Amino acid sequence: MSSSNTKEAQRIAKLLARAGIASRRDVERMIADGRIALDGKVLDTPATLLPSLRGVTVDGKPVAAPAPARLFRYHKPAGLLTTERDPKGRPTIYDRMPEGLPRVMPVGRLDLSTEGLLLLTTDGELKRALELPATGVERSYRARAYGNVTQAQLESLMLGVEIEGVRYGPINANIERRTGANVWIELTLTEGKNREVRRVLEYLGLEVNRLIRTRYGPFWLGDMPAGDVDEIRQHDLVTFRTVLARPGGGKAASNLQFAVRSRAVDPAPRPKPVPVPGGREPEGRRKLAKPEAKKPVFTARVTPGARDEARDGARDGARDGGRGRAMADRPRPPGKPGPRKPREEGVAKPARAARARAHREAQEPRPGDFVDRPKGPRGPGRDAGRPGPAGGRARPGGGKPARPPRTRK
């Protein structure tokens, strides 16, 4: 085997884990059991290096080419083990997952009593990249603990702490709120060692009675119901892996922001109501009528004159009709105006016209006014034969002479 091929070759356990056959540890067990062969020859060591899975069989069946990696969010409830099987027969996450999922592997582990976000993937290489402390992918938790602690004690965790010979890296911890004798603490770390949060808080004299993982990298738990599963969109996963592969990309990849992911499995349909014998509804339940959709109202623009005529016509019709008479006969409450009086012909607003006429007649004549000229029809001109306005001032000269009528040639 050449040096170039050796450089490109990878351990068979890694290739099979990436293809979704099993985890690396399970693949090593399968090799020890003689279930994996290469070109018909059973393998006896997991240290076999291969450039690809061509010619590899598992239980006599050829291994298909690895499909693109997929990543899922899962809200793990408390009381489930993060493992495929348990010798003691306790329930695991695989016992409660919905049907229709491919074979997935958990990214990291959550204790039996720990709940919250658990990532699941079909790719062993992606699982390894997310779990390694060297990549620096952040994990966030909310812990409810019994006891007293100060913010200064929590800030000392930023320098790291050594507990029983185990060194834990920097932890960003802050007090969220206090509820009686308990305190809620938010913690963000990048290592994720076994029972790290519980051991660190116990080191500070606290007793953790509830622990929830709320974030893993840029993927948040949000308001996801317990036991629910959804899938990270493929282009979001590609973006995350691209940023993560850069030097020191764990911090940048953890700060990415993605939209809401699509569901992996459609929710179960809601059960239909059971019909009541005899067709009667049970007491205390009423059928509410659905509100009718409002139709759009279109308003036409009209001139003031047409509006006045329409209003007057409607008022006259109502006054003559049975409903109009009933409304007119009904006693009006005090302070409410009655129906309007009909207008005089030729005068739009007689009261205003009378006040204007009285005001003009009461004014003193000004210099230049012709006070000795009688008011009446104007002289010959454009407005000849038309009476002038009541109380108005006539123009001297009688206006312009009338234009002679046109004659056709």
Protein backbone atom coordinates (compact mmCIF):
# COMPACT_ATOMS: atom_id res chain seq x y z
CA MET A 1 0.00 0.00 0.00
CA SER A 2 1.50 3.35 -1.04
CA SER A 3 2.06 6.26 1.31
CA SER A 4 -0.62 8.32 -0.41
CA ASN A 5 -3.20 5.57 0.00
CA THR A 6 -2.15 5.08 3.61
CA LYS A 7 -2.65 8.80 4.25
CA GLU A 8 -6.15 8.74 2.80
CA ALA A 9 -7.14 5.46 4.44
CA GLN A 10 -9.16 5.42 7.67
CA ARG A 11 -9.97 2.81 10.28
CA ILE A 12 -12.80 0.54 9.28
CA ALA A 13 -14.66 1.31 12.52
CA LYS A 14 -14.69 4.99 11.62
CA LEU A 15 -15.93 4.32 8.08
CA LEU A 16 -18.71 2.03 9.25
CA ALA A 17 -19.77 4.48 11.95
CA ARG A 18 -19.94 7.26 9.37
CA ALA A 19 -22.05 5.01 7.13
CA GLY A 20 -24.51 4.63 9.98
CA ILE A 21 -23.92 0.93 10.61
CA ALA A 22 -23.11 1.30 14.30
CA SER A 23 -20.98 3.28 16.70
CA ARG A 24 -17.22 2.71 16.71
CA ARG A 25 -17.40 0.69 19.88
CA ASP A 26 -20.18 -1.50 18.50
CA VAL A 27 -18.25 -2.01 15.25
CA GLU A 28 -15.29 -3.26 17.23
CA ARG A 29 -17.57 -5.76 18.95
CA MET A 30 -18.98 -6.86 15.58
CA ILE A 31 -15.44 -7.44 14.27
CA ALA A 32 -14.64 -9.52 17.34
CA ASP A 33 -17.77 -11.60 16.68
CA GLY A 34 -16.69 -12.21 13.06
CA ARG A 35 -19.64 -10.38 11.50
CA ILE A 36 -17.60 -8.09 9.22
CA ALA A 37 -15.67 -9.27 6.17
CA LEU A 38 -13.59 -7.70 3.39
CA ASP A 39 -13.76 -9.33 -0.05
CA GLY A 40 -15.15 -12.49 1.57
CA LYS A 41 -12.43 -12.70 4.23
CA VAL A 42 -13.55 -12.22 7.84
CA LEU A 43 -11.71 -9.43 9.62
CA ASP A 44 -10.19 -10.10 13.00
CA THR A 45 -8.86 -6.65 13.99
CA PRO A 46 -10.46 -3.19 14.14
CA ALA A 47 -7.13 -1.61 13.14
CA THR A 48 -7.82 -2.33 9.47
CA LEU A 49 -7.24 0.78 7.32
CA LEU A 50 -9.36 1.24 4.20
CA PRO A 51 -9.80 4.10 1.75
CA SER A 52 -13.48 3.19 1.25
CA LEU A 53 -16.07 0.56 2.13
CA ARG A 54 -15.88 -1.17 -1.26
CA GLY A 55 -15.98 -4.94 -0.73
CA VAL A 56 -16.96 -4.69 2.95
CA THR A 57 -19.91 -6.79 4.11
CA VAL A 58 -21.77 -6.90 7.41
CA ASP A 59 -23.54 -10.19 8.14
CA GLY A 60 -23.00 -11.12 4.51
CA LYS A 61 -24.67 -7.95 3.14
CA PRO A 62 -22.66 -5.27 1.28
CA VAL A 63 -22.42 -1.88 2.91
CA ALA A 64 -23.98 0.95 0.94
CA ALA A 65 -22.16 4.20 0.33
CA PRO A 66 -22.56 6.64 3.23
CA ALA A 67 -25.49 9.01 2.85
CA PRO A 68 -25.23 12.72 3.75
CA ALA A 69 -25.09 13.31 7.48
CA ARG A 70 -28.32 14.15 9.25
CA LEU A 71 -28.78 15.82 12.62
CA PHE A 72 -31.87 15.77 14.86
CA ARG A 73 -33.00 17.55 18.01
CA TYR A 74 -34.61 15.45 20.72
CA HIS A 75 -36.15 16.71 23.97
CA LYS A 76 -35.12 13.96 26.38
CA PRO A 77 -37.47 13.57 29.35
CA ALA A 78 -36.13 12.69 32.79
CA GLY A 79 -36.11 8.97 33.64
CA LEU A 80 -34.64 7.67 30.34
CA LEU A 81 -31.15 6.30 29.77
CA THR A 82 -29.04 7.61 26.90
CA THR A 83 -28.09 4.19 25.58
CA GLU A 84 -29.33 1.64 23.09
CA ARG A 85 -29.91 -1.13 25.63
CA ASP A 86 -29.76 -1.51 29.40
CA PRO A 87 -28.87 -4.80 31.15
CA LYS A 88 -31.23 -3.92 34.01
CA GLY A 89 -34.16 -3.42 31.67
CA ARG A 90 -34.63 0.29 32.40
CA PRO A 91 -36.30 2.44 29.69
CA THR A 92 -34.00 4.10 27.15
CA ILE A 93 -34.40 6.94 24.68
CA TYR A 94 -34.83 4.42 21.85
CA ASP A 95 -37.89 2.98 23.57
CA ARG A 96 -39.69 6.33 23.44
CA MET A 97 -38.62 7.76 20.08
CA PRO A 98 -41.25 8.12 17.36
CA GLU A 99 -41.32 5.75 14.42
CA GLY A 100 -39.86 6.71 11.07
CA LEU A 101 -36.41 7.81 12.24
CA PRO A 102 -33.26 6.34 10.68
CA ARG A 103 -30.61 4.73 12.84
CA VAL A 104 -29.24 7.58 14.95
CA MET A 105 -26.52 7.93 17.58
CA PRO A 106 -26.67 10.33 20.54
CA VAL A 107 -24.17 13.18 20.66
CA GLY A 108 -22.84 12.95 24.21
CA ARG A 109 -24.96 11.65 27.04
CA LEU A 110 -27.47 12.91 29.55
CA ASP A 111 -27.87 11.29 32.94
CA LEU A 112 -30.98 9.36 33.92
CA SER A 113 -32.42 12.34 35.82
CA THR A 114 -31.14 15.01 33.40
CA GLU A 115 -33.53 16.35 30.78
CA GLY A 116 -33.40 18.72 27.87
CA LEU A 117 -31.75 18.90 24.45
CA LEU A 118 -30.05 15.80 23.08
CA LEU A 119 -28.64 15.82 19.56
CA LEU A 120 -28.93 12.68 17.42
CA THR A 121 -26.97 12.07 14.23
CA THR A 122 -26.50 9.42 11.56
CA ASP A 123 -22.81 10.30 11.05
CA GLY A 124 -20.15 9.04 13.43
CA GLU A 125 -17.64 11.66 12.28
CA LEU A 126 -20.06 14.49 13.07
CA LYS A 127 -20.80 12.91 16.44
CA ARG A 128 -17.09 12.84 17.26
CA ALA A 129 -16.55 16.45 16.17
CA LEU A 130 -19.40 17.66 18.38
CA GLU A 131 -18.23 15.70 21.42
CA LEU A 132 -14.50 16.51 21.43
CA PRO A 133 -13.56 19.23 23.97
CA ALA A 134 -10.87 20.39 21.54
CA THR A 135 -13.48 21.69 19.08
CA GLY A 136 -14.87 24.07 21.72
CA VAL A 137 -18.60 23.60 20.99
CA GLU A 138 -20.57 25.25 23.80
CA ARG A 139 -23.23 23.55 25.92
CA SER A 140 -25.66 25.50 28.11
CA TYR A 141 -27.59 24.22 31.14
CA ARG A 142 -30.11 25.45 33.68
CA ALA A 143 -29.64 23.92 37.11
CA ARG A 144 -31.91 24.17 40.15
CA ALA A 145 -29.87 23.59 43.28
CA TYR A 146 -30.52 23.62 47.01
CA GLY A 147 -28.20 25.73 49.12
CA ASN A 148 -26.52 29.13 49.24
CA VAL A 149 -24.01 30.42 46.74
CA THR A 150 -22.76 33.86 45.74
CA GLN A 151 -22.11 35.25 42.28
CA ALA A 152 -18.44 35.67 43.24
CA GLN A 153 -18.16 31.93 43.87
CA LEU A 154 -19.68 31.19 40.49
CA GLU A 155 -17.36 33.63 38.74
CA SER A 156 -14.36 31.79 40.19
CA LEU A 157 -15.30 28.85 37.95
CA MET A 158 -14.10 30.86 34.94
CA LEU A 159 -10.55 29.98 36.00
CA GLY A 160 -11.31 26.26 36.04
CA VAL A 161 -11.34 23.96 39.04
CA GLU A 162 -9.78 20.63 40.00
CA ILE A 163 -11.98 18.16 41.88
CA GLU A 164 -10.60 14.81 43.10
CA GLY A 165 -7.78 14.88 40.58
CA VAL A 166 -10.02 15.77 37.62
CA ARG A 167 -9.42 19.15 35.99
CA TYR A 168 -12.49 20.95 34.68
CA GLY A 169 -12.13 23.82 32.23
CA PRO A 170 -13.66 27.32 32.42
CA ILE A 171 -17.38 27.49 33.17
CA ASN A 172 -19.45 30.64 32.73
CA ALA A 173 -22.05 30.50 35.54
CA ASN A 174 -24.58 33.13 36.64
CA ILE A 175 -27.42 33.23 39.14
CA GLU A 176 -30.74 33.44 37.30
CA ARG A 177 -33.14 33.75 40.24
CA ARG A 178 -33.86 32.42 43.73
CA THR A 179 -37.00 30.48 44.65
CA GLY A 180 -37.15 29.89 48.38
CA ALA A 181 -34.25 27.69 49.46
CA ASN A 182 -33.38 26.85 45.83
CA VAL A 183 -31.43 28.86 43.29
CA TRP A 184 -31.56 28.64 39.48
CA ILE A 185 -28.13 28.87 37.83
CA GLU A 186 -27.26 29.20 34.14
CA LEU A 187 -24.02 27.51 33.07
CA THR A 188 -22.13 27.41 29.76
CA LEU A 189 -19.15 25.08 29.22
CA THR A 190 -17.22 23.50 26.36
CA GLU A 191 -16.00 20.15 27.72
CA GLY A 192 -19.05 18.16 28.78
CA LYS A 193 -17.23 15.63 30.94
CA ASN A 194 -19.16 12.97 32.82
CA ARG A 195 -21.45 14.61 35.43
CA GLU A 196 -19.45 17.82 35.14
CA VAL A 197 -22.22 20.26 36.13
CA ARG A 198 -23.33 18.25 39.14
CA ARG A 199 -19.82 17.72 40.46
CA VAL A 200 -18.83 21.36 40.10
CA LEU A 201 -21.95 22.62 41.90
CA GLU A 202 -21.54 20.00 44.62
CA TYR A 203 -18.00 21.30 45.05
CA LEU A 204 -19.54 24.70 45.86
CA GLY A 205 -21.83 23.16 48.49
CA LEU A 206 -24.99 22.91 46.36
CA GLU A 207 -27.28 19.94 45.82
CA VAL A 208 -28.65 19.76 42.28
CA ASN A 209 -32.28 18.61 42.16
CA ARG A 210 -33.02 19.45 38.52
CA LEU A 211 -30.79 19.84 35.46
CA ILE A 212 -31.87 20.86 31.96
CA ARG A 213 -29.67 21.20 28.89
CA THR A 214 -30.96 24.15 26.88
CA ARG A 215 -28.37 24.46 24.09
CA TYR A 216 -25.75 22.48 22.20
CA GLY A 217 -23.74 24.72 19.90
CA PRO A 218 -26.14 26.86 17.83
CA PHE A 219 -29.04 24.45 18.39
CA TRP A 220 -31.48 25.43 21.16
CA LEU A 221 -34.17 23.50 23.00
CA GLY A 222 -36.66 26.38 22.87
CA ASP A 223 -40.29 25.47 23.52
CA MET A 224 -39.92 21.96 22.12
CA PRO A 225 -42.29 19.52 23.90
CA ALA A 226 -40.78 16.68 25.91
CA GLY A 227 -40.27 13.55 23.79
CA ASP A 228 -40.52 15.45 20.49
CA VAL A 229 -38.00 15.12 17.62
CA ASP A 230 -37.26 17.39 14.69
CA GLU A 231 -34.49 17.56 12.09
CA ILE A 232 -31.90 20.26 11.48
CA ARG A 233 -32.20 21.51 7.93
CA GLN A 234 -29.46 20.27 5.60
CA HIS A 235 -28.15 23.69 4.56
CA ASP A 236 -27.97 24.77 8.23
CA LEU A 237 -25.97 21.64 9.03
CA VAL A 238 -23.58 22.29 6.13
CA THR A 239 -23.04 25.86 7.34
CA PHE A 240 -22.39 24.65 10.88
CA ARG A 241 -19.84 22.03 9.80
CA THR A 242 -18.06 24.50 7.51
CA VAL A 243 -17.59 27.03 10.31
CA LEU A 244 -16.68 24.32 12.82
CA ALA A 245 -13.90 22.96 10.56
CA ARG A 246 -12.02 26.27 10.67
CA PRO A 247 -9.28 26.81 13.27
CA GLY A 248 -10.95 27.80 16.53
CA GLY A 249 -14.35 27.51 14.89
CA GLY A 250 -16.11 26.08 17.92
CA LYS A 251 -16.93 29.52 19.36
CA ALA A 252 -18.03 30.94 16.01
CA ALA A 253 -20.09 27.85 15.18
CA SER A 254 -21.83 28.02 18.57
CA ASN A 255 -22.90 31.62 17.91
CA LEU A 256 -24.61 30.86 14.60
CA GLN A 257 -28.32 31.59 14.44
CA PHE A 258 -30.68 29.37 12.51
CA ALA A 259 -34.41 29.56 11.87
CA VAL A 260 -36.94 27.05 13.20
CA ARG A 261 -36.20 23.53 12.01
CA SER A 262 -38.68 21.31 10.23
CA ARG A 263 -40.30 18.39 12.01
CA ALA A 264 -38.78 14.95 11.48
CA VAL A 265 -42.00 13.05 12.12
CA ASP A 266 -45.50 14.40 11.57
CA PRO A 267 -47.46 14.69 14.80
CA ALA A 268 -50.13 12.11 15.45
CA PRO A 269 -53.61 13.22 14.29
CA ARG A 270 -55.93 14.44 16.99
CA PRO A 271 -58.56 11.88 18.05
CA LYS A 272 -62.05 12.53 16.76
CA PRO A 273 -64.79 13.17 19.33
CA VAL A 274 -66.80 10.11 20.30
CA PRO A 275 -70.43 10.43 19.14
CA VAL A 276 -72.99 10.52 21.93
CA PRO A 277 -75.83 7.95 21.68
CA GLY A 278 -79.06 9.53 20.51
CA GLY A 279 -77.27 12.44 18.86
CA ARG A 280 -77.41 14.62 21.99
CA GLU A 281 -74.50 16.63 23.19
CA PRO A 282 -73.36 16.13 26.80
CA GLU A 283 -74.42 18.75 29.26
CA GLY A 284 -72.10 21.66 29.72
CA ARG A 285 -70.93 21.57 26.09
CA ARG A 286 -72.28 23.91 23.46
CA LYS A 287 -71.53 24.21 19.80
CA LEU A 288 -70.26 27.67 19.08
CA ALA A 289 -71.15 29.08 15.70
CA LYS A 290 -68.18 30.12 13.64
CA PRO A 291 -68.10 33.86 12.99
CA GLU A 292 -68.97 34.74 9.43
CA ALA A 293 -66.22 36.23 7.38
CA LYS A 294 -66.62 39.96 6.97
CA LYS A 295 -67.19 41.08 3.41
CA PRO A 296 -65.25 44.07 2.15
CA VAL A 297 -67.22 47.31 2.03
CA PHE A 298 -66.66 49.64 -0.91
CA THR A 299 -67.69 53.29 -0.49
CA ALA A 300 -68.44 55.38 -3.56
CA ARG A 301 -67.50 59.05 -3.69
CA VAL A 302 -70.46 61.37 -4.33
CA THR A 303 -70.79 65.11 -4.68
CA PRO A 304 -72.28 67.16 -1.82
CA GLY A 305 -75.40 67.90 -3.84
CA ALA A 306 -76.07 64.27 -4.64
CA ARG A 307 -75.43 63.34 -1.02
CA ASP A 308 -77.97 65.92 0.18
CA GLU A 309 -80.57 64.74 -2.32
CA ALA A 310 -80.06 61.10 -1.35
CA ARG A 311 -80.32 61.93 2.34
CA ASP A 312 -83.46 63.99 1.84
CA GLY A 313 -85.03 61.28 -0.30
CA ALA A 314 -84.29 58.61 2.26
CA ARG A 315 -85.68 60.78 5.04
CA ASP A 316 -88.86 61.46 3.08
CA GLY A 317 -89.28 57.76 2.28
CA ALA A 318 -88.79 56.78 5.90
CA ARG A 319 -91.24 59.45 6.99
CA ASP A 320 -93.88 58.15 4.58
CA GLY A 321 -93.26 54.42 5.26
CA GLY A 322 -94.44 52.37 8.20
CA ARG A 323 -91.00 52.17 9.78
CA GLY A 324 -90.48 55.89 9.36
CA ARG A 325 -93.78 56.63 11.09
CA ALA A 326 -92.92 54.24 13.90
CA MET A 327 -89.57 55.92 14.43
CA ALA A 328 -91.17 59.37 14.33
CA ASP A 329 -93.84 58.39 16.87
CA ARG A 330 -91.28 56.99 19.27
CA PRO A 331 -90.55 59.48 22.09
CA ARG A 332 -87.02 60.85 21.89
CA PRO A 333 -84.81 61.06 24.99
CA PRO A 334 -84.21 64.54 26.37
CA GLY A 335 -81.35 66.42 24.78
CA LYS A 336 -81.55 64.55 21.48
CA PRO A 337 -82.44 66.69 18.44
CA GLY A 338 -85.53 65.84 16.43
CA PRO A 339 -85.77 65.38 12.68
CA ARG A 340 -84.60 68.19 10.47
CA LYS A 341 -87.09 70.54 8.85
CA PRO A 342 -87.44 70.41 5.08
CA ARG A 343 -85.44 73.07 3.27
CA GLU A 344 -86.93 75.95 1.35
CA GLU A 345 -86.76 75.74 -2.39
CA GLY A 346 -83.97 77.78 -3.94
CA VAL A 347 -82.22 78.44 -0.62
CA ALA A 348 -79.61 76.00 0.62
CA LYS A 349 -79.54 77.35 4.21
CA PRO A 350 -82.23 79.99 4.82
CA ALA A 351 -81.20 80.86 8.36
CA ARG A 352 -77.63 81.59 7.37
CA ALA A 353 -78.78 83.59 4.32
CA ALA A 354 -81.10 85.70 6.51
CA ARG A 355 -78.30 86.45 8.98
CA ALA A 356 -75.95 87.45 6.17
CA ARG A 357 -78.58 89.74 4.64
CA ALA A 358 -79.30 91.42 7.98
CA HIS A 359 -75.56 91.91 8.57
CA ARG A 360 -75.06 93.63 5.22
CA GLU A 361 -78.04 95.92 5.67
CA ALA A 362 -76.83 96.97 9.11
CA GLN A 363 -73.41 98.06 7.84
CA GLU A 364 -72.66 101.76 7.27
CA PRO A 365 -71.98 102.81 3.67
CA ARG A 366 -68.32 103.13 2.77
CA PRO A 367 -66.73 105.77 0.54
CA GLY A 368 -67.33 104.95 -3.12
CA ASP A 369 -70.56 103.03 -2.54
CA PHE A 370 -73.63 104.04 -4.59
CA VAL A 371 -76.24 104.38 -1.91
CA ASP A 372 -78.77 106.40 -3.91
CA ARG A 373 -79.09 103.82 -6.68
CA PRO A 374 -82.12 101.58 -6.29
CA LYS A 375 -81.53 97.89 -5.93
CA GLY A 376 -83.10 95.65 -8.49
CA PRO A 377 -82.48 94.27 -11.93
CA ARG A 378 -79.06 95.00 -13.34
CA GLY A 379 -78.46 96.95 -16.46
CA PRO A 380 -77.94 95.52 -19.87
CA GLY A 381 -74.97 93.31 -20.22
CA ARG A 382 -73.98 89.71 -19.63
CA ASP A 383 -76.26 89.43 -16.57
CA ALA A 384 -79.13 91.50 -17.96
CA GLY A 385 -82.56 90.44 -16.80
CA ARG A 386 -81.23 88.61 -13.73
CA PRO A 387 -82.04 90.09 -10.37
CA GLY A 388 -79.07 91.04 -8.25
CA PRO A 389 -78.58 89.47 -4.85
CA ALA A 390 -80.66 90.76 -2.02
CA GLY A 391 -78.91 93.64 -0.34
CA GLY A 392 -76.02 93.47 -2.82
CA ARG A 393 -74.21 96.41 -4.37
CA ALA A 394 -74.88 96.97 -8.05
CA ARG A 395 -71.95 97.65 -10.34
CA PRO A 396 -71.93 101.05 -12.09
CA GLY A 397 -72.35 101.16 -15.85
CA GLY A 398 -74.75 98.25 -16.01
CA GLY A 399 -72.01 95.80 -17.07
CA LYS A 400 -70.72 94.99 -20.51
CA PRO A 401 -72.95 95.18 -23.58
CA ALA A 402 -74.48 91.92 -24.75
CA ARG A 403 -72.73 90.03 -27.54
CA PRO A 404 -74.77 89.82 -30.74
CA PRO A 405 -75.98 86.35 -31.68
CA ARG A 406 -73.99 84.37 -34.20
CA THR A 407 -75.42 83.80 -37.64
CA ARG A 408 -74.57 80.94 -39.89
CA LYS A 409 -73.19 81.83 -43.29
